[in-house]
Amino acid sequence: MGVFMSTEGEIRVAKAKGVPLYAQQEYDKQLNYGLWSTSRTRFIAARRLKSKDSRSSKTISFLSAYMILFTLLDFLFLNKLNGYNSGYVIFFNISCSIMILIFSQFESSASYAVRSHKHHQCGLEISTLYKRLRKLKSQHMGERGEDFYRELEEIDKQYDLILIQNDNHEMIDYDLFKATYPKYEDHSLNWFDVFLIRIRHYIGNVAFYHFAMFVPAVLILGVFILVVFKSGIVSL
């Protein structure tokens, strides 16, 4: 069962090559970190995708509502302005309708909710193996014989099978996991590293939806204020 062991010489060589600390230890410690980190990362991926699915639905609802508001703005105020051309609003509404349709199709095909559920289930399965490993290690605190390594190998095989049967998470999910445990010896992240990870997550998964939900509201409000002043309802 020497395949599960790391000699002191191998550890020194690995350390010199910049290999992570967990990979320089005995195999049960490597597997322990792998199960722990992967299960937690899959849960993070599940939460990220679930939040993305929620933001996607809200964005489509917001954009549809903005089209209705703009139509009402046109009907109640814009058509009363001198030199007003309703063709611009018709063109705007048709263009927005097409863009919302395309956006909703892209978001629907991404299947955020389904992927979130699969990642969550995968995390639960790996978490079960992690608990099993922790129990095994606690039962063999002293000398570890054939039974320990046989069980360890079985856990490793089941872990590999779960990984094969499920899609992998994204790199940002693992980075978010490390940011959750910044002081862990193999992470060693300072506050700025954590900040950059959070910023990357926001830009890649949140910023677009916030832009699409709130910027049109500001534009419509600006148009409304401009119309009010131009129509003479309120004067400067």
C-alpha atoms as a PDB file:
ATOM      1  CA  MET A   1       0.000   0.000   0.000  1.00  0.00           C
ATOM      2  CA  GLY A   2       2.975   2.321  -0.436  1.00  0.00           C
ATOM      3  CA  VAL A   3       1.100   4.070  -3.228  1.00  0.00           C
ATOM      4  CA  PHE A   4      -0.739   6.038  -0.566  1.00  0.00           C
ATOM      5  CA  MET A   5       2.416   7.265   1.168  1.00  0.00           C
ATOM      6  CA  SER A   6       4.770  10.181   0.566  1.00  0.00           C
ATOM      7  CA  THR A   7       8.388   9.893   1.708  1.00  0.00           C
ATOM      8  CA  GLU A   8      10.175  12.812   3.323  1.00  0.00           C
ATOM      9  CA  GLY A   9      12.410  13.113   0.277  1.00  0.00           C
ATOM     10  CA  GLU A  10       9.388  13.324  -2.049  1.00  0.00           C
ATOM     11  CA  ILE A  11       7.859  16.014   0.157  1.00  0.00           C
ATOM     12  CA  ARG A  12      11.027  18.118   0.030  1.00  0.00           C
ATOM     13  CA  VAL A  13      11.160  17.821  -3.779  1.00  0.00           C
ATOM     14  CA  ALA A  14       7.469  18.712  -4.068  1.00  0.00           C
ATOM     15  CA  LYS A  15       7.897  21.705  -1.797  1.00  0.00           C
ATOM     16  CA  ALA A  16      10.785  22.940  -3.926  1.00  0.00           C
ATOM     17  CA  LYS A  17       8.571  22.706  -7.036  1.00  0.00           C
ATOM     18  CA  GLY A  18       5.777  24.725  -5.413  1.00  0.00           C
ATOM     19  CA  VAL A  19       3.379  21.790  -5.044  1.00  0.00           C
ATOM     20  CA  PRO A  20       0.465  22.565  -2.637  1.00  0.00           C
ATOM     21  CA  LEU A  21       1.018  21.445   0.950  1.00  0.00           C
ATOM     22  CA  TYR A  22      -1.925  19.030   0.956  1.00  0.00           C
ATOM     23  CA  ALA A  23      -0.367  17.196  -2.007  1.00  0.00           C
ATOM     24  CA  GLN A  24       2.888  16.752  -0.085  1.00  0.00           C
ATOM     25  CA  GLN A  25       1.244  14.682   2.653  1.00  0.00           C
ATOM     26  CA  GLU A  26       0.109  11.074   2.898  1.00  0.00           C
ATOM     27  CA  TYR A  27      -2.643  10.113   0.515  1.00  0.00           C
ATOM     28  CA  ASP A  28      -5.424  10.093   3.113  1.00  0.00           C
ATOM     29  CA  LYS A  29      -4.668  13.775   3.779  1.00  0.00           C
ATOM     30  CA  GLN A  30      -4.704  14.538   0.055  1.00  0.00           C
ATOM     31  CA  LEU A  31      -8.038  12.762  -0.315  1.00  0.00           C
ATOM     32  CA  ASN A  32      -9.361  14.517   2.778  1.00  0.00           C
ATOM     33  CA  TYR A  33      -8.634  17.941   1.256  1.00  0.00           C
ATOM     34  CA  GLY A  34      -9.987  16.854  -2.134  1.00  0.00           C
ATOM     35  CA  LEU A  35     -13.314  15.715  -0.685  1.00  0.00           C
ATOM     36  CA  TRP A  36     -13.628  18.732   1.593  1.00  0.00           C
ATOM     37  CA  SER A  37     -12.733  21.344  -1.026  1.00  0.00           C
ATOM     38  CA  THR A  38     -14.744  19.771  -3.852  1.00  0.00           C
ATOM     39  CA  SER A  39     -17.912  19.324  -1.788  1.00  0.00           C
ATOM     40  CA  ARG A  40     -17.754  22.914  -0.535  1.00  0.00           C
ATOM     41  CA  THR A  41     -16.974  24.224  -4.028  1.00  0.00           C
ATOM     42  CA  ARG A  42     -19.935  22.352  -5.519  1.00  0.00           C
ATOM     43  CA  PHE A  43     -22.225  23.922  -2.907  1.00  0.00           C
ATOM     44  CA  ILE A  44     -20.832  27.357  -3.811  1.00  0.00           C
ATOM     45  CA  ALA A  45     -21.403  26.626  -7.509  1.00  0.00           C
ATOM     46  CA  ALA A  46     -24.984  25.576  -6.732  1.00  0.00           C
ATOM     47  CA  ARG A  47     -25.672  28.825  -4.851  1.00  0.00           C
ATOM     48  CA  ARG A  48     -24.048  30.909  -7.606  1.00  0.00           C
ATOM     49  CA  LEU A  49     -26.168  29.300 -10.323  1.00  0.00           C
ATOM     50  CA  LYS A  50     -29.342  29.494  -8.242  1.00  0.00           C
ATOM     51  CA  SER A  51     -28.751  33.212  -7.704  1.00  0.00           C
ATOM     52  CA  LYS A  52     -28.011  33.646 -11.396  1.00  0.00           C
ATOM     53  CA  ASP A  53     -31.278  31.923 -12.308  1.00  0.00           C
ATOM     54  CA  SER A  54     -33.172  34.251  -9.968  1.00  0.00           C
ATOM     55  CA  ARG A  55     -31.479  37.362 -11.378  1.00  0.00           C
ATOM     56  CA  SER A  56     -32.152  36.166 -14.919  1.00  0.00           C
ATOM     57  CA  SER A  57     -35.893  35.838 -14.269  1.00  0.00           C
ATOM     58  CA  LYS A  58     -36.023  39.202 -12.521  1.00  0.00           C
ATOM     59  CA  THR A  59     -34.119  40.882 -15.365  1.00  0.00           C
ATOM     60  CA  ILE A  60     -36.548  39.603 -17.993  1.00  0.00           C
ATOM     61  CA  SER A  61     -39.471  40.783 -15.848  1.00  0.00           C
ATOM     62  CA  PHE A  62     -37.888  44.198 -15.302  1.00  0.00           C
ATOM     63  CA  LEU A  63     -37.130  44.692 -19.005  1.00  0.00           C
ATOM     64  CA  SER A  64     -40.684  43.702 -19.966  1.00  0.00           C
ATOM     65  CA  ALA A  65     -42.061  46.153 -17.403  1.00  0.00           C
ATOM     66  CA  TYR A  66     -39.821  48.926 -18.739  1.00  0.00           C
ATOM     67  CA  MET A  67     -41.249  48.410 -22.231  1.00  0.00           C
ATOM     68  CA  ILE A  68     -44.766  48.843 -20.867  1.00  0.00           C
ATOM     69  CA  LEU A  69     -43.727  51.946 -18.917  1.00  0.00           C
ATOM     70  CA  PHE A  70     -42.101  53.461 -21.985  1.00  0.00           C
ATOM     71  CA  THR A  71     -45.250  52.774 -24.020  1.00  0.00           C
ATOM     72  CA  LEU A  72     -47.318  54.526 -21.350  1.00  0.00           C
ATOM     73  CA  LEU A  73     -44.859  57.401 -21.328  1.00  0.00           C
ATOM     74  CA  ASP A  74     -45.286  57.693 -25.081  1.00  0.00           C
ATOM     75  CA  PHE A  75     -49.083  57.544 -24.877  1.00  0.00           C
ATOM     76  CA  LEU A  76     -49.458  60.027 -22.018  1.00  0.00           C
ATOM     77  CA  PHE A  77     -46.672  62.543 -22.626  1.00  0.00           C
ATOM     78  CA  LEU A  78     -44.372  62.103 -25.639  1.00  0.00           C
ATOM     79  CA  ASN A  79     -47.082  62.323 -28.322  1.00  0.00           C
ATOM     80  CA  LYS A  80     -48.041  65.772 -27.009  1.00  0.00           C
ATOM     81  CA  LEU A  81     -44.669  67.296 -27.829  1.00  0.00           C
ATOM     82  CA  ASN A  82     -44.247  69.439 -30.919  1.00  0.00           C
ATOM     83  CA  GLY A  83     -42.463  67.680 -33.752  1.00  0.00           C
ATOM     84  CA  TYR A  84     -42.804  64.319 -32.054  1.00  0.00           C
ATOM     85  CA  ASN A  85     -42.401  61.231 -34.281  1.00  0.00           C
ATOM     86  CA  SER A  86     -44.020  58.062 -32.883  1.00  0.00           C
ATOM     87  CA  GLY A  87     -41.975  55.941 -35.288  1.00  0.00           C
ATOM     88  CA  TYR A  88     -38.977  56.166 -32.959  1.00  0.00           C
ATOM     89  CA  VAL A  89     -40.923  54.649 -30.077  1.00  0.00           C
ATOM     90  CA  ILE A  90     -42.336  51.893 -32.295  1.00  0.00           C
ATOM     91  CA  PHE A  91     -38.823  51.083 -33.510  1.00  0.00           C
ATOM     92  CA  PHE A  92     -37.552  51.118 -29.910  1.00  0.00           C
ATOM     93  CA  ASN A  93     -40.293  48.791 -28.665  1.00  0.00           C
ATOM     94  CA  ILE A  94     -39.842  46.312 -31.507  1.00  0.00           C
ATOM     95  CA  SER A  95     -36.062  46.289 -31.043  1.00  0.00           C
ATOM     96  CA  CYS A  96     -36.400  45.768 -27.301  1.00  0.00           C
ATOM     97  CA  SER A  97     -38.930  42.985 -27.813  1.00  0.00           C
ATOM     98  CA  ILE A  98     -36.515  41.133 -30.097  1.00  0.00           C
ATOM     99  CA  MET A  99     -33.612  41.644 -27.696  1.00  0.00           C
ATOM    100  CA  ILE A 100     -35.667  40.412 -24.718  1.00  0.00           C
ATOM    101  CA  LEU A 101     -36.748  37.356 -26.713  1.00  0.00           C
ATOM    102  CA  ILE A 102     -33.155  36.512 -27.659  1.00  0.00           C
ATOM    103  CA  PHE A 103     -31.928  37.161 -24.113  1.00  0.00           C
ATOM    104  CA  SER A 104     -34.628  34.942 -22.589  1.00  0.00           C
ATOM    105  CA  GLN A 105     -33.752  32.134 -25.024  1.00  0.00           C
ATOM    106  CA  PHE A 106     -30.054  32.324 -24.139  1.00  0.00           C
ATOM    107  CA  GLU A 107     -30.796  32.396 -20.417  1.00  0.00           C
ATOM    108  CA  SER A 108     -33.261  29.516 -20.693  1.00  0.00           C
ATOM    109  CA  SER A 109     -30.747  27.362 -22.584  1.00  0.00           C
ATOM    110  CA  ALA A 110     -28.177  27.951 -19.826  1.00  0.00           C
ATOM    111  CA  SER A 111     -30.384  25.873 -17.465  1.00  0.00           C
ATOM    112  CA  TYR A 112     -29.086  27.573 -14.330  1.00  0.00           C
ATOM    113  CA  ALA A 113     -31.666  25.958 -12.030  1.00  0.00           C
ATOM    114  CA  VAL A 114     -31.001  22.433 -13.329  1.00  0.00           C
ATOM    115  CA  ARG A 115     -27.239  22.843 -13.096  1.00  0.00           C
ATOM    116  CA  SER A 116     -27.584  24.292  -9.601  1.00  0.00           C
ATOM    117  CA  HIS A 117     -29.547  21.247  -8.471  1.00  0.00           C
ATOM    118  CA  LYS A 118     -26.992  18.854  -9.979  1.00  0.00           C
ATOM    119  CA  HIS A 119     -24.085  20.646  -8.312  1.00  0.00           C
ATOM    120  CA  HIS A 120     -25.940  20.559  -4.986  1.00  0.00           C
ATOM    121  CA  GLN A 121     -26.608  16.835  -5.304  1.00  0.00           C
ATOM    122  CA  CYS A 122     -22.986  16.235  -6.265  1.00  0.00           C
ATOM    123  CA  GLY A 123     -21.860  18.217  -3.221  1.00  0.00           C
ATOM    124  CA  LEU A 124     -24.069  16.087  -0.964  1.00  0.00           C
ATOM    125  CA  GLU A 125     -22.633  12.857  -2.377  1.00  0.00           C
ATOM    126  CA  ILE A 126     -19.046  14.020  -1.948  1.00  0.00           C
ATOM    127  CA  SER A 127     -19.842  15.362   1.525  1.00  0.00           C
ATOM    128  CA  THR A 128     -21.069  11.868   2.476  1.00  0.00           C
ATOM    129  CA  LEU A 129     -17.733  10.412   1.357  1.00  0.00           C
ATOM    130  CA  TYR A 130     -15.919  13.117   3.315  1.00  0.00           C
ATOM    131  CA  LYS A 131     -17.777  12.170   6.509  1.00  0.00           C
ATOM    132  CA  ARG A 132     -17.031   8.517   5.801  1.00  0.00           C
ATOM    133  CA  LEU A 133     -13.328   9.284   5.469  1.00  0.00           C
ATOM    134  CA  ARG A 134     -13.295  11.324   8.674  1.00  0.00           C
ATOM    135  CA  LYS A 135     -14.966   8.454  10.511  1.00  0.00           C
ATOM    136  CA  LEU A 136     -12.466   5.977   9.035  1.00  0.00           C
ATOM    137  CA  LYS A 137      -9.509   8.091  10.154  1.00  0.00           C
ATOM    138  CA  SER A 138     -10.915   8.467  13.658  1.00  0.00           C
ATOM    139  CA  GLN A 139     -11.267   4.672  13.895  1.00  0.00           C
ATOM    140  CA  HIS A 140      -7.626   4.154  12.873  1.00  0.00           C
ATOM    141  CA  MET A 141      -5.830   6.785  14.897  1.00  0.00           C
ATOM    142  CA  GLY A 142      -2.922   4.479  15.657  1.00  0.00           C
ATOM    143  CA  GLU A 143      -1.422   1.882  13.330  1.00  0.00           C
ATOM    144  CA  ARG A 144      -3.122   1.664   9.956  1.00  0.00           C
ATOM    145  CA  GLY A 145      -3.286  -1.735   8.348  1.00  0.00           C
ATOM    146  CA  GLU A 146      -4.686  -3.318   5.228  1.00  0.00           C
ATOM    147  CA  ASP A 147      -8.310  -2.648   6.192  1.00  0.00           C
ATOM    148  CA  PHE A 148      -7.688   1.096   6.430  1.00  0.00           C
ATOM    149  CA  TYR A 149      -6.080   1.389   3.001  1.00  0.00           C
ATOM    150  CA  ARG A 150      -8.621  -0.930   1.405  1.00  0.00           C
ATOM    151  CA  GLU A 151     -11.433   1.288   2.647  1.00  0.00           C
ATOM    152  CA  LEU A 152      -9.475   4.386   1.641  1.00  0.00           C
ATOM    153  CA  GLU A 153      -9.089   3.058  -1.886  1.00  0.00           C
ATOM    154  CA  GLU A 154     -12.815   2.310  -2.065  1.00  0.00           C
ATOM    155  CA  ILE A 155     -13.653   5.885  -1.032  1.00  0.00           C
ATOM    156  CA  ASP A 156     -11.233   7.188  -3.660  1.00  0.00           C
ATOM    157  CA  LYS A 157     -12.863   5.070  -6.386  1.00  0.00           C
ATOM    158  CA  GLN A 158     -16.333   6.309  -5.444  1.00  0.00           C
ATOM    159  CA  TYR A 159     -15.019   9.882  -5.447  1.00  0.00           C
ATOM    160  CA  ASP A 160     -13.623   9.433  -8.970  1.00  0.00           C
ATOM    161  CA  LEU A 161     -16.922   7.917 -10.134  1.00  0.00           C
ATOM    162  CA  ILE A 162     -18.905  10.894  -8.798  1.00  0.00           C
ATOM    163  CA  LEU A 163     -16.558  13.324 -10.586  1.00  0.00           C
ATOM    164  CA  ILE A 164     -16.909  11.404 -13.855  1.00  0.00           C
ATOM    165  CA  GLN A 165     -20.707  11.362 -13.649  1.00  0.00           C
ATOM    166  CA  ASN A 166     -21.059  15.092 -12.945  1.00  0.00           C
ATOM    167  CA  ASP A 167     -20.061  18.295 -14.719  1.00  0.00           C
ATOM    168  CA  ASN A 168     -17.206  20.225 -13.196  1.00  0.00           C
ATOM    169  CA  HIS A 169     -17.678  23.546 -11.438  1.00  0.00           C
ATOM    170  CA  GLU A 170     -16.112  26.755 -12.782  1.00  0.00           C
ATOM    171  CA  MET A 171     -12.800  28.176 -11.632  1.00  0.00           C
ATOM    172  CA  ILE A 172     -14.533  31.130  -9.978  1.00  0.00           C
ATOM    173  CA  ASP A 173     -16.333  28.661  -7.687  1.00  0.00           C
ATOM    174  CA  TYR A 174     -13.046  27.235  -6.442  1.00  0.00           C
ATOM    175  CA  ASP A 175     -11.666  30.755  -6.019  1.00  0.00           C
ATOM    176  CA  LEU A 176     -14.742  31.678  -3.965  1.00  0.00           C
ATOM    177  CA  PHE A 177     -14.145  28.582  -1.860  1.00  0.00           C
ATOM    178  CA  LYS A 178     -10.567  29.690  -1.201  1.00  0.00           C
ATOM    179  CA  ALA A 179     -11.809  33.190  -0.396  1.00  0.00           C
ATOM    180  CA  THR A 180     -14.122  31.636   2.205  1.00  0.00           C
ATOM    181  CA  TYR A 181     -11.076  30.090   3.933  1.00  0.00           C
ATOM    182  CA  PRO A 182      -8.353  32.648   3.127  1.00  0.00           C
ATOM    183  CA  LYS A 183      -6.055  31.696   6.017  1.00  0.00           C
ATOM    184  CA  TYR A 184      -5.918  28.000   5.185  1.00  0.00           C
ATOM    185  CA  GLU A 185      -2.270  27.004   4.663  1.00  0.00           C
ATOM    186  CA  ASP A 186      -2.679  26.137   0.964  1.00  0.00           C
ATOM    187  CA  HIS A 187      -4.746  29.253   0.215  1.00  0.00           C
ATOM    188  CA  SER A 188      -2.828  31.986   2.032  1.00  0.00           C
ATOM    189  CA  LEU A 189      -4.935  34.806   0.638  1.00  0.00           C
ATOM    190  CA  ASN A 190      -4.708  38.354   1.910  1.00  0.00           C
ATOM    191  CA  TRP A 191      -7.619  40.787   1.986  1.00  0.00           C
ATOM    192  CA  PHE A 192      -6.793  42.155  -1.466  1.00  0.00           C
ATOM    193  CA  ASP A 193      -6.785  38.655  -3.013  1.00  0.00           C
ATOM    194  CA  VAL A 194     -10.218  38.029  -1.510  1.00  0.00           C
ATOM    195  CA  PHE A 195     -11.422  41.423  -2.749  1.00  0.00           C
ATOM    196  CA  LEU A 196     -10.277  40.668  -6.308  1.00  0.00           C
ATOM    197  CA  ILE A 197     -12.059  37.318  -6.268  1.00  0.00           C
ATOM    198  CA  ARG A 198     -15.284  38.987  -5.119  1.00  0.00           C
ATOM    199  CA  ILE A 199     -14.932  41.630  -7.834  1.00  0.00           C
ATOM    200  CA  ARG A 200     -14.374  38.957 -10.509  1.00  0.00           C
ATOM    201  CA  HIS A 201     -17.460  37.142  -9.297  1.00  0.00           C
ATOM    202  CA  TYR A 202     -19.527  40.327  -9.387  1.00  0.00           C
ATOM    203  CA  ILE A 203     -18.382  41.270 -12.894  1.00  0.00           C
ATOM    204  CA  GLY A 204     -18.879  37.775 -14.291  1.00  0.00           C
ATOM    205  CA  ASN A 205     -22.143  36.828 -12.599  1.00  0.00           C
ATOM    206  CA  VAL A 206     -23.948  39.887 -11.230  1.00  0.00           C
ATOM    207  CA  ALA A 207     -22.986  43.159 -12.937  1.00  0.00           C
ATOM    208  CA  PHE A 208     -24.844  42.583 -16.226  1.00  0.00           C
ATOM    209  CA  TYR A 209     -28.122  41.797 -14.457  1.00  0.00           C
ATOM    210  CA  HIS A 210     -27.871  44.838 -12.200  1.00  0.00           C
ATOM    211  CA  PHE A 211     -27.124  46.990 -15.255  1.00  0.00           C
ATOM    212  CA  ALA A 212     -30.094  45.584 -17.191  1.00  0.00           C
ATOM    213  CA  MET A 213     -32.469  45.949 -14.240  1.00  0.00           C
ATOM    214  CA  PHE A 214     -31.607  49.439 -13.010  1.00  0.00           C
ATOM    215  CA  VAL A 215     -30.036  51.497 -15.819  1.00  0.00           C
ATOM    216  CA  PRO A 216     -33.211  51.510 -17.980  1.00  0.00           C
ATOM    217  CA  ALA A 217     -35.149  52.812 -14.960  1.00  0.00           C
ATOM    218  CA  VAL A 218     -32.754  55.750 -14.712  1.00  0.00           C
ATOM    219  CA  LEU A 219     -33.087  56.430 -18.458  1.00  0.00           C
ATOM    220  CA  ILE A 220     -36.888  56.303 -18.359  1.00  0.00           C
ATOM    221  CA  LEU A 221     -36.908  58.617 -15.348  1.00  0.00           C
ATOM    222  CA  GLY A 222     -34.600  60.997 -17.203  1.00  0.00           C
ATOM    223  CA  VAL A 223     -36.852  60.981 -20.268  1.00  0.00           C
ATOM    224  CA  PHE A 224     -39.893  61.589 -18.074  1.00  0.00           C
ATOM    225  CA  ILE A 225     -38.256  64.572 -16.345  1.00  0.00           C
ATOM    226  CA  LEU A 226     -37.165  65.979 -19.714  1.00  0.00           C
ATOM    227  CA  VAL A 227     -40.692  65.619 -21.114  1.00  0.00           C
ATOM    228  CA  VAL A 228     -42.216  67.280 -18.068  1.00  0.00           C
ATOM    229  CA  PHE A 229     -39.980  70.336 -18.462  1.00  0.00           C
ATOM    230  CA  LYS A 230     -40.401  70.525 -22.243  1.00  0.00           C
ATOM    231  CA  SER A 231     -44.169  70.237 -22.026  1.00  0.00           C
ATOM    232  CA  GLY A 232     -44.301  73.240 -19.717  1.00  0.00           C
ATOM    233  CA  ILE A 233     -45.910  71.341 -16.844  1.00  0.00           C
ATOM    234  CA  VAL A 234     -42.940  72.362 -14.715  1.00  0.00           C
ATOM    235  CA  SER A 235     -40.635  75.250 -15.573  1.00  0.00           C
ATOM    236  CA  LEU A 236     -37.131  75.953 -14.359  1.00  0.00           C
END
